[in-house]
Amino acid sequence: MAYQSFEDLDVWKRSCKQAVEICKAVEKWTNFGLKDQMQRSAISVPSNIAEGQERNTDPDFLRFLGYAQGSNSELRTQIYIAARLNLFPQEFIDPTITESKEISAMLYGLIKSVKARK
């Protein structure tokens, strides 16, 4: 996987798109605790990918990829909670959960790739 910067990474691109979709979806919510936490989790995924890659060391990159993985899992949990609270329509929930799982798999693959460089 050859890349020059985090902007070249498909997982960064997709997680940015996911963050924008989540921020738009919760924009008018009055449940400010869950809204804030979901926005923070969603934004944290691409932010940690970027920060880790820009540190220019594999150990730092791996640590921040782990943070991104954790934030993505946190976001998926919050989507499940919001679904149980009937805050999202089902047609939003299913593809959003699927996308989160695919981002998780992409992060796992990137982590394996970085570890293999050692």
N, C-alpha and C. Protein backbone atom coordinates (compact mmCIF):
# COMPACT_ATOMS: atom_id res chain seq x y z
N MET A 1 0.84 -1.17 0.00
CA MET A 1 0.00 0.00 0.00
C MET A 1 0.89 1.24 0.00
N ALA A 2 1.08 1.83 -1.15
CA ALA A 2 1.92 3.02 -1.27
C ALA A 2 1.06 4.27 -1.10
N TYR A 3 1.53 5.17 -0.25
CA TYR A 3 0.83 6.43 -0.06
C TYR A 3 1.84 7.49 0.36
N GLN A 4 1.54 8.73 0.02
CA GLN A 4 2.41 9.84 0.36
C GLN A 4 1.96 10.53 1.65
N SER A 5 0.65 10.61 1.84
CA SER A 5 0.12 11.27 3.03
C SER A 5 -1.21 10.64 3.41
N PHE A 6 -1.71 11.04 4.55
CA PHE A 6 -2.97 10.47 5.01
C PHE A 6 -4.12 10.73 4.03
N GLU A 7 -4.04 11.84 3.27
CA GLU A 7 -5.09 12.15 2.32
C GLU A 7 -5.22 11.10 1.21
N ASP A 8 -4.17 10.31 1.01
CA ASP A 8 -4.18 9.25 0.00
C ASP A 8 -4.86 7.98 0.49
N LEU A 9 -5.07 7.85 1.77
CA LEU A 9 -5.60 6.62 2.35
C LEU A 9 -7.13 6.54 2.20
N ASP A 10 -7.59 5.47 1.58
CA ASP A 10 -9.04 5.29 1.41
C ASP A 10 -9.76 5.25 2.76
N VAL A 11 -9.15 4.67 3.76
CA VAL A 11 -9.80 4.59 5.07
C VAL A 11 -9.97 5.99 5.67
N TRP A 12 -9.02 6.88 5.42
CA TRP A 12 -9.17 8.26 5.88
C TRP A 12 -10.31 8.95 5.13
N LYS A 13 -10.36 8.76 3.81
CA LYS A 13 -11.42 9.37 2.99
C LYS A 13 -12.80 8.90 3.43
N ARG A 14 -12.92 7.59 3.62
CA ARG A 14 -14.23 7.04 4.00
C ARG A 14 -14.63 7.45 5.41
N SER A 15 -13.66 7.52 6.32
CA SER A 15 -14.00 7.92 7.68
C SER A 15 -14.34 9.42 7.75
N CYS A 16 -13.74 10.24 6.88
CA CYS A 16 -14.15 11.65 6.79
C CYS A 16 -15.59 11.75 6.31
N LYS A 17 -15.91 10.98 5.30
CA LYS A 17 -17.29 10.97 4.76
C LYS A 17 -18.27 10.51 5.85
N GLN A 18 -17.89 9.48 6.59
CA GLN A 18 -18.73 8.98 7.67
C GLN A 18 -18.93 10.07 8.72
N ALA A 19 -17.88 10.79 9.07
CA ALA A 19 -17.98 11.85 10.08
C ALA A 19 -18.95 12.94 9.63
N VAL A 20 -18.86 13.34 8.37
CA VAL A 20 -19.75 14.36 7.84
C VAL A 20 -21.20 13.87 7.89
N GLU A 21 -21.43 12.62 7.50
CA GLU A 21 -22.79 12.07 7.50
C GLU A 21 -23.37 12.02 8.91
N ILE A 22 -22.55 11.62 9.87
CA ILE A 22 -23.01 11.57 11.26
C ILE A 22 -23.32 12.98 11.76
N CYS A 23 -22.42 13.92 11.52
CA CYS A 23 -22.64 15.30 11.98
C CYS A 23 -23.92 15.88 11.40
N LYS A 24 -24.18 15.61 10.14
CA LYS A 24 -25.42 16.09 9.52
C LYS A 24 -26.64 15.38 10.11
N ALA A 25 -26.52 14.10 10.36
CA ALA A 25 -27.66 13.31 10.84
C ALA A 25 -28.10 13.72 12.25
N VAL A 26 -27.18 14.20 13.06
CA VAL A 26 -27.52 14.54 14.45
C VAL A 26 -27.63 16.06 14.66
N GLU A 27 -27.49 16.80 13.59
CA GLU A 27 -27.43 18.26 13.65
C GLU A 27 -28.56 18.90 14.46
N LYS A 28 -29.77 18.42 14.30
CA LYS A 28 -30.93 19.03 14.95
C LYS A 28 -31.37 18.32 16.24
N TRP A 29 -30.59 17.37 16.68
CA TRP A 29 -30.94 16.63 17.89
C TRP A 29 -30.95 17.55 19.11
N THR A 30 -31.83 17.24 20.05
CA THR A 30 -31.84 17.96 21.32
C THR A 30 -31.21 17.12 22.43
N ASN A 31 -30.91 15.86 22.14
CA ASN A 31 -30.19 15.01 23.10
C ASN A 31 -28.71 15.35 22.97
N PHE A 32 -28.31 16.43 23.62
CA PHE A 32 -26.98 16.99 23.39
C PHE A 32 -25.84 16.09 23.85
N GLY A 33 -26.05 15.29 24.86
CA GLY A 33 -25.00 14.39 25.33
C GLY A 33 -24.63 13.36 24.27
N LEU A 34 -25.63 12.66 23.77
CA LEU A 34 -25.38 11.65 22.74
C LEU A 34 -24.93 12.30 21.44
N LYS A 35 -25.54 13.42 21.09
CA LYS A 35 -25.16 14.15 19.87
C LYS A 35 -23.68 14.52 19.92
N ASP A 36 -23.25 15.13 21.00
CA ASP A 36 -21.86 15.56 21.14
C ASP A 36 -20.90 14.37 21.09
N GLN A 37 -21.26 13.31 21.80
CA GLN A 37 -20.39 12.14 21.85
C GLN A 37 -20.28 11.47 20.48
N MET A 38 -21.37 11.41 19.74
CA MET A 38 -21.33 10.80 18.41
C MET A 38 -20.49 11.64 17.46
N GLN A 39 -20.66 12.95 17.53
CA GLN A 39 -19.86 13.82 16.67
C GLN A 39 -18.37 13.67 17.00
N ARG A 40 -18.05 13.65 18.27
CA ARG A 40 -16.65 13.53 18.69
C ARG A 40 -16.06 12.19 18.25
N SER A 41 -16.80 11.12 18.43
CA SER A 41 -16.32 9.79 18.01
C SER A 41 -16.10 9.74 16.51
N ALA A 42 -17.07 10.25 15.76
CA ALA A 42 -16.98 10.21 14.30
C ALA A 42 -15.80 11.03 13.79
N ILE A 43 -15.63 12.21 14.34
CA ILE A 43 -14.54 13.10 13.91
C ILE A 43 -13.18 12.56 14.35
N SER A 44 -13.16 11.83 15.44
CA SER A 44 -11.92 11.28 15.97
C SER A 44 -11.29 10.23 15.06
N VAL A 45 -12.09 9.51 14.31
CA VAL A 45 -11.55 8.44 13.46
C VAL A 45 -10.58 8.99 12.41
N PRO A 46 -11.02 9.87 11.51
CA PRO A 46 -10.06 10.37 10.52
C PRO A 46 -8.98 11.26 11.14
N SER A 47 -9.33 11.94 12.22
CA SER A 47 -8.35 12.81 12.88
C SER A 47 -7.17 12.01 13.43
N ASN A 48 -7.46 10.86 14.03
CA ASN A 48 -6.38 10.03 14.56
C ASN A 48 -5.56 9.38 13.46
N ILE A 49 -6.21 9.01 12.36
CA ILE A 49 -5.45 8.47 11.22
C ILE A 49 -4.46 9.53 10.74
N ALA A 50 -4.95 10.75 10.58
CA ALA A 50 -4.10 11.84 10.09
C ALA A 50 -2.97 12.15 11.07
N GLU A 51 -3.31 12.29 12.34
CA GLU A 51 -2.28 12.65 13.31
C GLU A 51 -1.20 11.57 13.40
N GLY A 52 -1.61 10.33 13.43
CA GLY A 52 -0.64 9.24 13.52
C GLY A 52 0.28 9.17 12.31
N GLN A 53 -0.29 9.33 11.13
CA GLN A 53 0.52 9.26 9.91
C GLN A 53 1.50 10.42 9.84
N GLU A 54 1.10 11.58 10.28
CA GLU A 54 1.95 12.77 10.22
C GLU A 54 3.07 12.74 11.25
N ARG A 55 3.02 11.87 12.21
CA ARG A 55 4.09 11.77 13.20
C ARG A 55 5.32 11.06 12.65
N ASN A 56 5.14 10.40 11.52
CA ASN A 56 6.26 9.82 10.76
C ASN A 56 7.07 8.74 11.47
N THR A 57 6.45 8.06 12.42
CA THR A 57 7.08 6.87 12.98
C THR A 57 6.02 5.77 13.03
N ASP A 58 6.43 4.56 12.75
CA ASP A 58 5.47 3.45 12.78
C ASP A 58 4.86 3.23 14.16
N PRO A 59 5.63 3.29 15.25
CA PRO A 59 4.99 3.11 16.56
C PRO A 59 3.90 4.16 16.83
N ASP A 60 4.17 5.41 16.48
CA ASP A 60 3.14 6.44 16.67
C ASP A 60 1.94 6.18 15.77
N PHE A 61 2.21 5.85 14.51
CA PHE A 61 1.12 5.59 13.58
C PHE A 61 0.25 4.44 14.09
N LEU A 62 0.87 3.38 14.55
CA LEU A 62 0.11 2.24 15.07
C LEU A 62 -0.72 2.62 16.29
N ARG A 63 -0.15 3.41 17.17
CA ARG A 63 -0.89 3.83 18.37
C ARG A 63 -2.14 4.64 17.95
N PHE A 64 -1.96 5.58 17.02
CA PHE A 64 -3.09 6.40 16.60
C PHE A 64 -4.10 5.63 15.76
N LEU A 65 -3.64 4.64 15.02
CA LEU A 65 -4.59 3.77 14.31
C LEU A 65 -5.43 2.99 15.31
N GLY A 66 -4.81 2.60 16.42
CA GLY A 66 -5.57 1.95 17.49
C GLY A 66 -6.61 2.87 18.09
N TYR A 67 -6.25 4.14 18.27
CA TYR A 67 -7.23 5.12 18.76
C TYR A 67 -8.38 5.26 17.76
N ALA A 68 -8.05 5.32 16.47
CA ALA A 68 -9.07 5.44 15.43
C ALA A 68 -10.01 4.22 15.47
N GLN A 69 -9.42 3.05 15.63
CA GLN A 69 -10.21 1.81 15.71
C GLN A 69 -11.16 1.88 16.91
N GLY A 70 -10.64 2.34 18.04
CA GLY A 70 -11.47 2.46 19.24
C GLY A 70 -12.59 3.47 19.06
N SER A 71 -12.29 4.61 18.45
CA SER A 71 -13.31 5.63 18.22
C SER A 71 -14.38 5.13 17.26
N ASN A 72 -13.98 4.37 16.26
CA ASN A 72 -14.93 3.81 15.31
C ASN A 72 -15.86 2.81 16.02
N SER A 73 -15.31 2.00 16.90
CA SER A 73 -16.14 1.05 17.65
C SER A 73 -17.07 1.79 18.61
N GLU A 74 -16.57 2.86 19.21
CA GLU A 74 -17.39 3.68 20.09
C GLU A 74 -18.55 4.28 19.29
N LEU A 75 -18.27 4.80 18.12
CA LEU A 75 -19.31 5.38 17.27
C LEU A 75 -20.36 4.33 16.91
N ARG A 76 -19.91 3.14 16.54
CA ARG A 76 -20.86 2.08 16.16
C ARG A 76 -21.78 1.75 17.35
N THR A 77 -21.23 1.71 18.54
CA THR A 77 -22.03 1.46 19.74
C THR A 77 -23.07 2.56 19.92
N GLN A 78 -22.66 3.80 19.70
CA GLN A 78 -23.58 4.92 19.85
C GLN A 78 -24.68 4.89 18.80
N ILE A 79 -24.36 4.41 17.61
CA ILE A 79 -25.38 4.26 16.57
C ILE A 79 -26.41 3.22 17.02
N TYR A 80 -25.94 2.11 17.60
CA TYR A 80 -26.87 1.10 18.11
C TYR A 80 -27.76 1.68 19.20
N ILE A 81 -27.18 2.48 20.08
CA ILE A 81 -27.97 3.10 21.16
C ILE A 81 -29.00 4.06 20.57
N ALA A 82 -28.56 4.90 19.64
CA ALA A 82 -29.48 5.84 19.00
C ALA A 82 -30.60 5.10 18.27
N ALA A 83 -30.27 3.97 17.68
CA ALA A 83 -31.29 3.17 16.99
C ALA A 83 -32.33 2.66 17.99
N ARG A 84 -31.87 2.21 19.14
CA ARG A 84 -32.81 1.70 20.16
C ARG A 84 -33.66 2.82 20.74
N LEU A 85 -33.16 4.04 20.66
CA LEU A 85 -33.93 5.20 21.11
C LEU A 85 -34.80 5.78 20.00
N ASN A 86 -34.79 5.10 18.84
CA ASN A 86 -35.57 5.52 17.66
C ASN A 86 -35.20 6.94 17.19
N LEU A 87 -33.91 7.24 17.25
CA LEU A 87 -33.43 8.55 16.83
C LEU A 87 -33.02 8.59 15.36
N PHE A 88 -32.86 7.41 14.77
CA PHE A 88 -32.50 7.30 13.35
C PHE A 88 -33.52 6.43 12.65
N PRO A 89 -33.80 6.71 11.39
CA PRO A 89 -34.63 5.78 10.61
C PRO A 89 -33.79 4.55 10.25
N GLN A 90 -34.44 3.42 10.12
CA GLN A 90 -33.75 2.16 9.83
C GLN A 90 -32.92 2.25 8.56
N GLU A 91 -33.40 3.00 7.56
CA GLU A 91 -32.65 3.10 6.31
C GLU A 91 -31.34 3.87 6.48
N PHE A 92 -31.17 4.56 7.60
CA PHE A 92 -29.88 5.20 7.92
C PHE A 92 -29.00 4.24 8.72
N ILE A 93 -29.60 3.50 9.62
CA ILE A 93 -28.85 2.67 10.55
C ILE A 93 -28.08 1.56 9.85
N ASP A 94 -28.75 0.77 9.03
CA ASP A 94 -28.10 -0.39 8.42
C ASP A 94 -26.87 -0.02 7.58
N PRO A 95 -26.97 0.92 6.65
CA PRO A 95 -25.77 1.25 5.87
C PRO A 95 -24.68 1.92 6.70
N THR A 96 -25.08 2.64 7.74
CA THR A 96 -24.09 3.31 8.59
C THR A 96 -23.32 2.30 9.42
N ILE A 97 -24.01 1.31 9.94
CA ILE A 97 -23.33 0.23 10.67
C ILE A 97 -22.41 -0.54 9.73
N THR A 98 -22.89 -0.84 8.54
CA THR A 98 -22.07 -1.55 7.55
C THR A 98 -20.81 -0.76 7.23
N GLU A 99 -20.96 0.54 7.01
CA GLU A 99 -19.80 1.38 6.71
C GLU A 99 -18.82 1.40 7.87
N SER A 100 -19.31 1.48 9.07
CA SER A 100 -18.43 1.47 10.24
C SER A 100 -17.66 0.15 10.33
N LYS A 101 -18.32 -0.95 10.05
CA LYS A 101 -17.65 -2.25 10.06
C LYS A 101 -16.60 -2.34 8.96
N GLU A 102 -16.89 -1.78 7.80
CA GLU A 102 -15.91 -1.80 6.70
C GLU A 102 -14.71 -0.91 7.03
N ILE A 103 -14.95 0.23 7.65
CA ILE A 103 -13.85 1.10 8.09
C ILE A 103 -13.00 0.37 9.12
N SER A 104 -13.63 -0.36 10.02
CA SER A 104 -12.90 -1.15 11.01
C SER A 104 -12.00 -2.17 10.34
N ALA A 105 -12.53 -2.86 9.33
CA ALA A 105 -11.73 -3.84 8.61
C ALA A 105 -10.57 -3.18 7.87
N MET A 106 -10.81 -2.00 7.31
CA MET A 106 -9.75 -1.28 6.62
C MET A 106 -8.66 -0.84 7.60
N LEU A 107 -9.06 -0.39 8.77
CA LEU A 107 -8.08 -0.01 9.79
C LEU A 107 -7.26 -1.22 10.22
N TYR A 108 -7.92 -2.34 10.41
CA TYR A 108 -7.22 -3.57 10.77
C TYR A 108 -6.19 -3.93 9.70
N GLY A 109 -6.58 -3.82 8.43
CA GLY A 109 -5.66 -4.12 7.34
C GLY A 109 -4.48 -3.16 7.31
N LEU A 110 -4.75 -1.88 7.57
CA LEU A 110 -3.66 -0.90 7.60
C LEU A 110 -2.72 -1.16 8.77
N ILE A 111 -3.27 -1.52 9.91
CA ILE A 111 -2.44 -1.86 11.07
C ILE A 111 -1.54 -3.04 10.74
N LYS A 112 -2.11 -4.08 10.12
CA LYS A 112 -1.30 -5.24 9.73
C LYS A 112 -0.20 -4.84 8.76
N SER A 113 -0.52 -3.97 7.81
CA SER A 113 0.44 -3.51 6.83
C SER A 113 1.59 -2.74 7.47
N VAL A 114 1.27 -1.85 8.40
CA VAL A 114 2.30 -1.08 9.08
C VAL A 114 3.17 -1.99 9.94
N LYS A 115 2.56 -2.94 10.62
CA LYS A 115 3.33 -3.89 11.45
C LYS A 115 4.27 -4.73 10.59
N ALA A 116 3.85 -5.06 9.38
CA ALA A 116 4.66 -5.90 8.48
C ALA A 116 5.90 -5.15 7.98
N ARG A 117 5.91 -3.82 8.07
CA ARG A 117 7.05 -3.03 7.61
C ARG A 117 8.25 -3.14 8.55
N LYS A 118 8.01 -3.60 9.75
CA LYS A 118 9.09 -3.66 10.76
C LYS A 118 10.18 -4.62 10.39
